[in-house]
């Protein structure tokens, strides 16, 4: 178990030690990856539990429709994909403002 935390600590330290531009690019890439892979699954689970099952099929049908919309520039798909980065940016902005107070 200690090896897992040691690996995580080294990865975290390497991530925060990157030059500013590389750090921001990595953060953007990770946030977009979460927006493209994790967010549709969370939307599917939340929608299935509160509303009804997805009309087009299951989870993979939702991914298919989401990626089609993403590449055909549907605003709703881009909002979902950019959501984690926007949320992270707002958290960082508010943290900066609170530090200045």
PDB file of N, CA and C in Angstrom:
ATOM      1  N   UNK A   1       0.821  -1.187   0.000  1.00  0.00           N
ATOM      2  CA  UNK A   1       0.000   0.000   0.000  1.00  0.00           C
ATOM      3  C   UNK A   1       0.869   1.255   0.000  1.00  0.00           C
ATOM      4  N   UNK A   2       1.983   1.203   0.705  1.00  0.00           N
ATOM      5  CA  UNK A   2       2.872   2.363   0.762  1.00  0.00           C
ATOM      6  C   UNK A   2       3.474   2.654  -0.605  1.00  0.00           C
ATOM      7  N   UNK A   3       3.697   1.612  -1.414  1.00  0.00           N
ATOM      8  CA  UNK A   3       4.246   1.818  -2.760  1.00  0.00           C
ATOM      9  C   UNK A   3       3.287   2.613  -3.622  1.00  0.00           C
ATOM     10  N   UNK A   4       1.988   2.356  -3.464  1.00  0.00           N
ATOM     11  CA  UNK A   4       0.985   3.086  -4.238  1.00  0.00           C
ATOM     12  C   UNK A   4       1.033   4.573  -3.902  1.00  0.00           C
ATOM     13  N   UNK A   5       1.085   4.896  -2.620  1.00  0.00           N
ATOM     14  CA  UNK A   5       1.121   6.299  -2.227  1.00  0.00           C
ATOM     15  C   UNK A   5       2.450   6.947  -2.593  1.00  0.00           C
ATOM     16  N   UNK A   6       3.527   6.188  -2.567  1.00  0.00           N
ATOM     17  CA  UNK A   6       4.824   6.716  -2.966  1.00  0.00           C
ATOM     18  C   UNK A   6       4.810   7.059  -4.454  1.00  0.00           C
ATOM     19  N   UNK A   7       4.225   6.187  -5.270  1.00  0.00           N
ATOM     20  CA  UNK A   7       4.110   6.448  -6.702  1.00  0.00           C
ATOM     21  C   UNK A   7       3.242   7.682  -6.949  1.00  0.00           C
ATOM     22  N   UNK A   8       2.135   7.768  -6.222  1.00  0.00           N
ATOM     23  CA  UNK A   8       1.237   8.905  -6.386  1.00  0.00           C
ATOM     24  C   UNK A   8       1.924  10.209  -5.980  1.00  0.00           C
ATOM     25  N   UNK A   9       2.680  10.166  -4.906  1.00  0.00           N
ATOM     26  CA  UNK A   9       3.393  11.357  -4.439  1.00  0.00           C
ATOM     27  C   UNK A   9       4.428  11.803  -5.462  1.00  0.00           C
ATOM     28  N   UNK A  10       5.163  10.858  -6.034  1.00  0.00           N
ATOM     29  CA  UNK A  10       6.153  11.217  -7.055  1.00  0.00           C
ATOM     30  C   UNK A  10       5.489  11.782  -8.299  1.00  0.00           C
ATOM     31  N   UNK A  11       4.361  11.199  -8.727  1.00  0.00           N
ATOM     32  CA  UNK A  11       3.648  11.709  -9.901  1.00  0.00           C
ATOM     33  C   UNK A  11       3.107  13.108  -9.641  1.00  0.00           C
ATOM     34  N   UNK A  12       2.552  13.337  -8.446  1.00  0.00           N
ATOM     35  CA  UNK A  12       2.036  14.660  -8.097  1.00  0.00           C
ATOM     36  C   UNK A  12       3.155  15.697  -8.070  1.00  0.00           C
ATOM     37  N   UNK A  13       4.286  15.340  -7.478  1.00  0.00           N
ATOM     38  CA  UNK A  13       5.406  16.277  -7.410  1.00  0.00           C
ATOM     39  C   UNK A  13       5.950  16.596  -8.801  1.00  0.00           C
ATOM     40  N   UNK A  14       6.023  15.587  -9.677  1.00  0.00           N
ATOM     41  CA  UNK A  14       6.497  15.824 -11.040  1.00  0.00           C
ATOM     42  C   UNK A  14       5.512  16.700 -11.814  1.00  0.00           C
ATOM     43  N   UNK A  15       4.209  16.497 -11.575  1.00  0.00           N
ATOM     44  CA  UNK A  15       3.188  17.297 -12.247  1.00  0.00           C
ATOM     45  C   UNK A  15       3.293  18.766 -11.846  1.00  0.00           C
ATOM     46  N   UNK A  16       3.437  19.040 -10.553  1.00  0.00           N
ATOM     47  CA  UNK A  16       3.506  20.422 -10.088  1.00  0.00           C
ATOM     48  C   UNK A  16       4.864  21.071 -10.346  1.00  0.00           C
ATOM     49  N   UNK A  17       5.895  20.283 -10.655  1.00  0.00           N
ATOM     50  CA  UNK A  17       7.225  20.834 -10.907  1.00  0.00           C
ATOM     51  C   UNK A  17       7.439  21.196 -12.379  1.00  0.00           C
ATOM     52  N   UNK A  18       6.453  20.960 -13.225  1.00  0.00           N
ATOM     53  CA  UNK A  18       6.594  21.266 -14.649  1.00  0.00           C
ATOM     54  C   UNK A  18       6.656  22.772 -14.869  1.00  0.00           C
ATOM     55  N   UNK A  19       7.263  23.189 -15.985  1.00  0.00           N
ATOM     56  CA  UNK A  19       7.191  24.619 -16.339  1.00  0.00           C
ATOM     57  C   UNK A  19       5.737  25.050 -16.523  1.00  0.00           C
ATOM     58  N   UNK A  20       5.458  26.326 -16.322  1.00  0.00           N
ATOM     59  CA  UNK A  20       4.081  26.832 -16.293  1.00  0.00           C
ATOM     60  C   UNK A  20       3.280  26.470 -17.548  1.00  0.00           C
ATOM     61  N   UNK A  21       3.868  26.641 -18.721  1.00  0.00           N
ATOM     62  CA  UNK A  21       3.143  26.365 -19.966  1.00  0.00           C
ATOM     63  C   UNK A  21       2.825  24.874 -20.080  1.00  0.00           C
ATOM     64  N   UNK A  22       3.787  24.040 -19.759  1.00  0.00           N
ATOM     65  CA  UNK A  22       3.566  22.591 -19.819  1.00  0.00           C
ATOM     66  C   UNK A  22       2.550  22.159 -18.759  1.00  0.00           C
ATOM     67  N   UNK A  23       2.598  22.782 -17.589  1.00  0.00           N
ATOM     68  CA  UNK A  23       1.627  22.484 -16.537  1.00  0.00           C
ATOM     69  C   UNK A  23       0.212  22.808 -17.000  1.00  0.00           C
ATOM     70  N   UNK A  24       0.025  23.992 -17.592  1.00  0.00           N
ATOM     71  CA  UNK A  24      -1.301  24.392 -18.066  1.00  0.00           C
ATOM     72  C   UNK A  24      -1.774  23.503 -19.218  1.00  0.00           C
ATOM     73  N   UNK A  25      -0.868  23.129 -20.117  1.00  0.00           N
ATOM     74  CA  UNK A  25      -1.244  22.252 -21.227  1.00  0.00           C
ATOM     75  C   UNK A  25      -1.638  20.873 -20.714  1.00  0.00           C
ATOM     76  N   UNK A  26      -0.916  20.360 -19.742  1.00  0.00           N
ATOM     77  CA  UNK A  26      -1.247  19.061 -19.162  1.00  0.00           C
ATOM     78  C   UNK A  26      -2.586  19.125 -18.443  1.00  0.00           C
ATOM     79  N   UNK A  27      -2.816  20.202 -17.721  1.00  0.00           N
ATOM     80  CA  UNK A  27      -4.088  20.377 -17.021  1.00  0.00           C
ATOM     81  C   UNK A  27      -5.248  20.442 -18.008  1.00  0.00           C
ATOM     82  N   UNK A  28      -5.070  21.176 -19.089  1.00  0.00           N
ATOM     83  CA  UNK A  28      -6.104  21.261 -20.123  1.00  0.00           C
ATOM     84  C   UNK A  28      -6.367  19.890 -20.734  1.00  0.00           C
ATOM     85  N   UNK A  29      -5.304  19.166 -21.053  1.00  0.00           N
ATOM     86  CA  UNK A  29      -5.463  17.840 -21.647  1.00  0.00           C
ATOM     87  C   UNK A  29      -6.162  16.868 -20.720  1.00  0.00           C
ATOM     88  N   UNK A  30      -5.793  16.865 -19.449  1.00  0.00           N
ATOM     89  CA  UNK A  30      -6.439  15.972 -18.493  1.00  0.00           C
ATOM     90  C   UNK A  30      -7.905  16.342 -18.285  1.00  0.00           C
ATOM     91  N   UNK A  31      -8.188  17.646 -18.216  1.00  0.00           N
ATOM     92  CA  UNK A  31      -9.572  18.078 -18.035  1.00  0.00           C
ATOM     93  C   UNK A  31     -10.421  17.733 -19.258  1.00  0.00           C
ATOM     94  N   UNK A  32      -9.879  17.884 -20.449  1.00  0.00           N
ATOM     95  CA  UNK A  32     -10.621  17.504 -21.647  1.00  0.00           C
ATOM     96  C   UNK A  32     -10.830  15.999 -21.717  1.00  0.00           C
ATOM     97  N   UNK A  33      -9.842  15.245 -21.286  1.00  0.00           N
ATOM     98  CA  UNK A  33      -9.986  13.785 -21.243  1.00  0.00           C
ATOM     99  C   UNK A  33     -11.103  13.384 -20.283  1.00  0.00           C
ATOM    100  N   UNK A  34     -11.162  14.026 -19.136  1.00  0.00           N
ATOM    101  CA  UNK A  34     -12.250  13.763 -18.189  1.00  0.00           C
ATOM    102  C   UNK A  34     -13.584  14.179 -18.805  1.00  0.00           C
ATOM    103  N   UNK A  35     -13.607  15.315 -19.484  1.00  0.00           N
ATOM    104  CA  UNK A  35     -14.836  15.787 -20.117  1.00  0.00           C
ATOM    105  C   UNK A  35     -15.319  14.875 -21.225  1.00  0.00           C
ATOM    106  N   UNK A  36     -14.398  14.253 -21.932  1.00  0.00           N
ATOM    107  CA  UNK A  36     -14.783  13.370 -23.040  1.00  0.00           C
ATOM    108  C   UNK A  36     -15.090  11.946 -22.596  1.00  0.00           C
ATOM    109  N   UNK A  37     -14.443  11.467 -21.546  1.00  0.00           N
ATOM    110  CA  UNK A  37     -14.619  10.071 -21.155  1.00  0.00           C
ATOM    111  C   UNK A  37     -15.475   9.872 -19.913  1.00  0.00           C
ATOM    112  N   UNK A  38     -15.307  10.716 -18.914  1.00  0.00           N
ATOM    113  CA  UNK A  38     -15.989  10.498 -17.637  1.00  0.00           C
ATOM    114  C   UNK A  38     -17.358  11.181 -17.600  1.00  0.00           C
ATOM    115  N   UNK A  39     -17.440  12.401 -18.089  1.00  0.00           N
ATOM    116  CA  UNK A  39     -18.693  13.147 -17.991  1.00  0.00           C
ATOM    117  C   UNK A  39     -19.872  12.465 -18.687  1.00  0.00           C
ATOM    118  N   UNK A  40     -19.721  11.925 -19.913  1.00  0.00           N
ATOM    119  CA  UNK A  40     -20.872  11.229 -20.503  1.00  0.00           C
ATOM    120  C   UNK A  40     -21.344  10.042 -19.665  1.00  0.00           C
ATOM    121  N   UNK A  41     -20.414   9.328 -19.046  1.00  0.00           N
ATOM    122  CA  UNK A  41     -20.815   8.204 -18.193  1.00  0.00           C
ATOM    123  C   UNK A  41     -21.582   8.695 -16.974  1.00  0.00           C
ATOM    124  N   UNK A  42     -21.127   9.799 -16.365  1.00  0.00           N
ATOM    125  CA  UNK A  42     -21.842  10.355 -15.223  1.00  0.00           C
ATOM    126  C   UNK A  42     -23.225  10.866 -15.623  1.00  0.00           C
ATOM    127  N   UNK A  43     -23.320  11.474 -16.779  1.00  0.00           N
ATOM    128  CA  UNK A  43     -24.608  11.948 -17.279  1.00  0.00           C
ATOM    129  C   UNK A  43     -25.536  10.768 -17.524  1.00  0.00           C
ATOM    130  N   UNK A  44     -25.007   9.690 -18.076  1.00  0.00           N
ATOM    131  CA  UNK A  44     -25.811   8.489 -18.330  1.00  0.00           C
ATOM    132  C   UNK A  44     -26.337   7.904 -17.019  1.00  0.00           C
ATOM    133  N   UNK A  45     -25.466   7.779 -16.029  1.00  0.00           N
ATOM    134  CA  UNK A  45     -25.879   7.193 -14.746  1.00  0.00           C
ATOM    135  C   UNK A  45     -26.922   8.077 -14.066  1.00  0.00           C
ATOM    136  N   UNK A  46     -26.679   9.372 -14.041  1.00  0.00           N
ATOM    137  CA  UNK A  46     -27.635  10.282 -13.413  1.00  0.00           C
ATOM    138  C   UNK A  46     -28.972  10.281 -14.148  1.00  0.00           C
ATOM    139  N   UNK A  47     -28.927  10.290 -15.461  1.00  0.00           N
ATOM    140  CA  UNK A  47     -30.161  10.274 -16.238  1.00  0.00           C
ATOM    141  C   UNK A  47     -30.922   8.973 -16.110  1.00  0.00           C
ATOM    142  N   UNK A  48     -30.220   7.861 -16.070  1.00  0.00           N
ATOM    143  CA  UNK A  48     -30.879   6.559 -15.935  1.00  0.00           C
ATOM    144  C   UNK A  48     -31.530   6.408 -14.564  1.00  0.00           C
ATOM    145  N   UNK A  49     -30.895   6.954 -13.540  1.00  0.00           N
ATOM    146  CA  UNK A  49     -31.445   6.823 -12.191  1.00  0.00           C
ATOM    147  C   UNK A  49     -32.595   7.774 -11.924  1.00  0.00           C
ATOM    148  N   UNK A  50     -32.565   8.959 -12.500  1.00  0.00           N
ATOM    149  CA  UNK A  50     -33.598   9.945 -12.179  1.00  0.00           C
ATOM    150  C   UNK A  50     -34.695  10.024 -13.240  1.00  0.00           C
ATOM    151  N   UNK A  51     -34.357   9.803 -14.482  1.00  0.00           N
ATOM    152  CA  UNK A  51     -35.347   9.923 -15.545  1.00  0.00           C
ATOM    153  C   UNK A  51     -35.721   8.535 -16.048  1.00  0.00           C
ATOM    154  N   UNK A  52     -35.260   8.201 -17.223  1.00  0.00           N
ATOM    155  CA  UNK A  52     -35.514   6.897 -17.827  1.00  0.00           C
ATOM    156  C   UNK A  52     -34.246   6.452 -18.521  1.00  0.00           C
ATOM    157  N   UNK A  53     -34.176   5.185 -18.905  1.00  0.00           N
ATOM    158  CA  UNK A  53     -33.001   4.750 -19.682  1.00  0.00           C
ATOM    159  C   UNK A  53     -32.884   5.542 -20.981  1.00  0.00           C
ATOM    160  N   UNK A  54     -31.666   5.631 -21.482  1.00  0.00           N
ATOM    161  CA  UNK A  54     -31.384   6.396 -22.695  1.00  0.00           C
ATOM    162  C   UNK A  54     -32.144   5.793 -23.865  1.00  0.00           C
ATOM    163  N   UNK A  55     -32.852   6.624 -24.626  1.00  0.00           N
ATOM    164  CA  UNK A  55     -33.693   6.133 -25.728  1.00  0.00           C
ATOM    165  C   UNK A  55     -32.892   5.478 -26.841  1.00  0.00           C
ATOM    166  N   UNK A  56     -31.697   5.983 -27.096  1.00  0.00           N
ATOM    167  CA  UNK A  56     -30.915   5.465 -28.207  1.00  0.00           C
ATOM    168  C   UNK A  56     -30.258   4.123 -27.915  1.00  0.00           C
ATOM    169  N   UNK A  57     -30.314   3.649 -26.690  1.00  0.00           N
ATOM    170  CA  UNK A  57     -29.667   2.396 -26.323  1.00  0.00           C
ATOM    171  C   UNK A  57     -29.016   2.538 -24.964  1.00  0.00           C
ATOM    172  N   UNK A  58     -27.854   1.964 -24.815  1.00  0.00           N
ATOM    173  CA  UNK A  58     -27.161   1.987 -23.531  1.00  0.00           C
ATOM    174  C   UNK A  58     -26.090   3.052 -23.477  1.00  0.00           C
ATOM    175  N   UNK A  59     -25.119   2.791 -22.632  1.00  0.00           N
ATOM    176  CA  UNK A  59     -24.035   3.747 -22.398  1.00  0.00           C
ATOM    177  C   UNK A  59     -23.210   3.982 -23.663  1.00  0.00           C
ATOM    178  N   UNK A  60     -22.937   2.923 -24.404  1.00  0.00           N
ATOM    179  CA  UNK A  60     -22.104   3.087 -25.601  1.00  0.00           C
ATOM    180  C   UNK A  60     -22.840   3.834 -26.703  1.00  0.00           C
ATOM    181  N   UNK A  61     -24.163   3.723 -26.747  1.00  0.00           N
ATOM    182  CA  UNK A  61     -24.941   4.526 -27.693  1.00  0.00           C
ATOM    183  C   UNK A  61     -24.857   6.003 -27.327  1.00  0.00           C
ATOM    184  N   UNK A  62     -24.865   6.285 -26.022  1.00  0.00           N
ATOM    185  CA  UNK A  62     -24.711   7.671 -25.582  1.00  0.00           C
ATOM    186  C   UNK A  62     -23.328   8.202 -25.962  1.00  0.00           C
ATOM    187  N   UNK A  63     -22.287   7.385 -25.732  1.00  0.00           N
ATOM    188  CA  UNK A  63     -20.942   7.799 -26.137  1.00  0.00           C
ATOM    189  C   UNK A  63     -20.883   8.062 -27.645  1.00  0.00           C
ATOM    190  N   UNK A  64     -21.496   7.201 -28.416  1.00  0.00           N
ATOM    191  CA  UNK A  64     -21.496   7.372 -29.868  1.00  0.00           C
ATOM    192  C   UNK A  64     -22.175   8.681 -30.264  1.00  0.00           C
ATOM    193  N   UNK A  65     -23.348   8.922 -29.706  1.00  0.00           N
ATOM    194  CA  UNK A  65     -24.061  10.167 -30.012  1.00  0.00           C
ATOM    195  C   UNK A  65     -23.289  11.394 -29.517  1.00  0.00           C
ATOM    196  N   UNK A  66     -22.671  11.268 -28.345  1.00  0.00           N
ATOM    197  CA  UNK A  66     -21.897  12.380 -27.803  1.00  0.00           C
ATOM    198  C   UNK A  66     -20.704  12.711 -28.691  1.00  0.00           C
ATOM    199  N   UNK A  67     -19.961  11.702 -29.113  1.00  0.00           N
ATOM    200  CA  UNK A  67     -18.788  11.958 -29.956  1.00  0.00           C
ATOM    201  C   UNK A  67     -19.181  12.473 -31.336  1.00  0.00           C
ATOM    202  N   UNK A  68     -20.310  11.979 -31.886  1.00  0.00           N
ATOM    203  CA  UNK A  68     -20.802  12.526 -33.154  1.00  0.00           C
ATOM    204  C   UNK A  68     -21.116  14.012 -32.997  1.00  0.00           C
ATOM    205  N   UNK A  69     -21.792  14.356 -31.914  1.00  0.00           N
ATOM    206  CA  UNK A  69     -22.117  15.756 -31.653  1.00  0.00           C
ATOM    207  C   UNK A  69     -20.884  16.593 -31.396  1.00  0.00           C
ATOM    208  N   UNK A  70     -19.893  16.002 -30.738  1.00  0.00           N
ATOM    209  CA  UNK A  70     -18.651  16.725 -30.460  1.00  0.00           C
ATOM    210  C   UNK A  70     -17.931  17.081 -31.755  1.00  0.00           C
ATOM    211  N   UNK A  71     -17.858  16.121 -32.669  1.00  0.00           N
ATOM    212  CA  UNK A  71     -17.130  16.374 -33.914  1.00  0.00           C
ATOM    213  C   UNK A  71     -17.950  17.131 -34.953  1.00  0.00           C
ATOM    214  N   UNK A  72     -19.271  17.207 -34.756  1.00  0.00           N
ATOM    215  CA  UNK A  72     -20.082  18.048 -35.639  1.00  0.00           C
ATOM    216  C   UNK A  72     -20.346  19.412 -35.005  1.00  0.00           C
ATOM    217  N   UNK A  73     -19.607  19.715 -33.919  1.00  0.00           N
ATOM    218  CA  UNK A  73     -19.599  21.030 -33.260  1.00  0.00           C
ATOM    219  C   UNK A  73     -20.942  21.416 -32.645  1.00  0.00           C
ATOM    220  N   UNK A  74     -21.629  20.452 -32.030  1.00  0.00           N
ATOM    221  CA  UNK A  74     -22.847  20.779 -31.289  1.00  0.00           C
ATOM    222  C   UNK A  74     -22.445  21.453 -29.983  1.00  0.00           C
ATOM    223  N   UNK A  75     -23.013  22.619 -29.690  1.00  0.00           N
ATOM    224  CA  UNK A  75     -22.614  23.359 -28.480  1.00  0.00           C
ATOM    225  C   UNK A  75     -22.812  22.565 -27.185  1.00  0.00           C
ATOM    226  N   UNK A  76     -23.877  21.780 -27.091  1.00  0.00           N
ATOM    227  CA  UNK A  76     -24.124  21.037 -25.856  1.00  0.00           C
ATOM    228  C   UNK A  76     -23.011  20.034 -25.576  1.00  0.00           C
ATOM    229  N   UNK A  77     -22.502  19.398 -26.589  1.00  0.00           N
ATOM    230  CA  UNK A  77     -21.410  18.435 -26.412  1.00  0.00           C
ATOM    231  C   UNK A  77     -20.113  19.135 -26.036  1.00  0.00           C
ATOM    232  N   UNK A  78     -19.881  20.297 -26.597  1.00  0.00           N
ATOM    233  CA  UNK A  78     -18.675  21.048 -26.257  1.00  0.00           C
ATOM    234  C   UNK A  78     -18.743  21.598 -24.833  1.00  0.00           C
ATOM    235  N   UNK A  79     -19.934  21.963 -24.375  1.00  0.00           N
ATOM    236  CA  UNK A  79     -20.089  22.427 -23.001  1.00  0.00           C
ATOM    237  C   UNK A  79     -19.781  21.298 -22.028  1.00  0.00           C
ATOM    238  N   UNK A  80     -20.262  20.096 -22.332  1.00  0.00           N
ATOM    239  CA  UNK A  80     -19.979  18.941 -21.477  1.00  0.00           C
ATOM    240  C   UNK A  80     -18.481  18.648 -21.474  1.00  0.00           C
ATOM    241  N   UNK A  81     -17.852  18.691 -22.636  1.00  0.00           N
ATOM    242  CA  UNK A  81     -16.422  18.372 -22.727  1.00  0.00           C
ATOM    243  C   UNK A  81     -15.564  19.433 -22.039  1.00  0.00           C
ATOM    244  N   UNK A  82     -15.955  20.686 -22.140  1.00  0.00           N
ATOM    245  CA  UNK A  82     -15.161  21.769 -21.549  1.00  0.00           C
ATOM    246  C   UNK A  82     -15.512  22.017 -20.087  1.00  0.00           C
ATOM    247  N   UNK A  83     -16.584  21.418 -19.601  1.00  0.00           N
ATOM    248  CA  UNK A  83     -17.048  21.645 -18.240  1.00  0.00           C
ATOM    249  C   UNK A  83     -16.001  21.434 -17.157  1.00  0.00           C
ATOM    250  N   UNK A  84     -15.277  20.323 -17.148  1.00  0.00           N
ATOM    251  CA  UNK A  84     -14.271  20.136 -16.090  1.00  0.00           C
ATOM    252  C   UNK A  84     -13.182  21.201 -16.098  1.00  0.00           C
ATOM    253  N   UNK A  85     -12.735  21.627 -17.269  1.00  0.00           N
ATOM    254  CA  UNK A  85     -11.704  22.654 -17.332  1.00  0.00           C
ATOM    255  C   UNK A  85     -12.236  23.999 -16.848  1.00  0.00           C
ATOM    256  N   UNK A  86     -13.459  24.340 -17.233  1.00  0.00           N
ATOM    257  CA  UNK A  86     -14.060  25.598 -16.786  1.00  0.00           C
ATOM    258  C   UNK A  86     -14.252  25.577 -15.270  1.00  0.00           C
ATOM    259  N   UNK A  87     -14.745  24.452 -14.746  1.00  0.00           N
ATOM    260  CA  UNK A  87     -14.920  24.327 -13.305  1.00  0.00           C
ATOM    261  C   UNK A  87     -13.582  24.456 -12.582  1.00  0.00           C
ATOM    262  N   UNK A  88     -12.566  23.781 -13.065  1.00  0.00           N
ATOM    263  CA  UNK A  88     -11.237  23.858 -12.451  1.00  0.00           C
ATOM    264  C   UNK A  88     -10.684  25.279 -12.522  1.00  0.00           C
ATOM    265  N   UNK A  89     -10.896  25.954 -13.641  1.00  0.00           N
ATOM    266  CA  UNK A  89     -10.428  27.336 -13.783  1.00  0.00           C
ATOM    267  C   UNK A  89     -11.141  28.269 -12.803  1.00  0.00           C
ATOM    268  N   UNK A  90     -12.442  28.067 -12.620  1.00  0.00           N
ATOM    269  CA  UNK A  90     -13.176  28.896 -11.661  1.00  0.00           C
ATOM    270  C   UNK A  90     -12.707  28.643 -10.232  1.00  0.00           C
ATOM    271  N   UNK A  91     -12.452  27.402  -9.883  1.00  0.00           N
ATOM    272  CA  UNK A  91     -11.942  27.088  -8.547  1.00  0.00           C
ATOM    273  C   UNK A  91     -10.595  27.762  -8.336  1.00  0.00           C
ATOM    274  N   UNK A  92      -9.722  27.693  -9.327  1.00  0.00           N
ATOM    275  CA  UNK A  92      -8.406  28.330  -9.213  1.00  0.00           C
ATOM    276  C   UNK A  92      -8.534  29.841  -9.114  1.00  0.00           C
ATOM    277  N   UNK A  93      -9.460  30.431  -9.868  1.00  0.00           N
ATOM    278  CA  UNK A  93      -9.682  31.874  -9.813  1.00  0.00           C
ATOM    279  C   UNK A  93     -10.194  32.302  -8.444  1.00  0.00           C
ATOM    280  N   UNK A  94     -11.180  31.586  -7.909  1.00  0.00           N
ATOM    281  CA  UNK A  94     -11.709  31.924  -6.595  1.00  0.00           C
ATOM    282  C   UNK A  94     -10.656  31.734  -5.507  1.00  0.00           C
ATOM    283  N   UNK A  95      -9.848  30.726  -5.642  1.00  0.00           N
ATOM    284  CA  UNK A  95      -8.761  30.509  -4.677  1.00  0.00           C
ATOM    285  C   UNK A  95      -7.764  31.667  -4.710  1.00  0.00           C
ATOM    286  N   UNK A  96      -7.467  32.145  -5.914  1.00  0.00           N
ATOM    287  CA  UNK A  96      -6.566  33.285  -6.051  1.00  0.00           C
ATOM    288  C   UNK A  96      -7.166  34.542  -5.423  1.00  0.00           C
ATOM    289  N   UNK A  97      -8.460  34.763  -5.660  1.00  0.00           N
ATOM    290  CA  UNK A  97      -9.129  35.932  -5.093  1.00  0.00           C
ATOM    291  C   UNK A  97      -9.141  35.851  -3.570  1.00  0.00           C
ATOM    292  N   UNK A  98      -9.416  34.666  -3.030  1.00  0.00           N
ATOM    293  CA  UNK A  98      -9.443  34.526  -1.576  1.00  0.00           C
ATOM    294  C   UNK A  98      -8.062  34.705  -0.962  1.00  0.00           C
ATOM    295  N   UNK A  99      -7.018  34.325  -1.667  1.00  0.00           N
ATOM    296  CA  UNK A  99      -5.664  34.542  -1.159  1.00  0.00           C
ATOM    297  C   UNK A  99      -5.314  36.010  -1.102  1.00  0.00           C
ATOM    298  N   UNK A 100      -5.862  36.792  -2.051  1.00  0.00           N
ATOM    299  CA  UNK A 100      -5.564  38.226  -2.108  1.00  0.00           C
ATOM    300  C   UNK A 100      -6.293  39.009  -1.031  1.00  0.00           C
ATOM    301  N   UNK A 101      -7.376  38.449  -0.496  1.00  0.00           N
ATOM    302  CA  UNK A 101      -8.151  39.176   0.532  1.00  0.00           C
ATOM    303  C   UNK A 101      -7.474  39.210   1.840  1.00  0.00           C
TER     304      UNK A 101
END
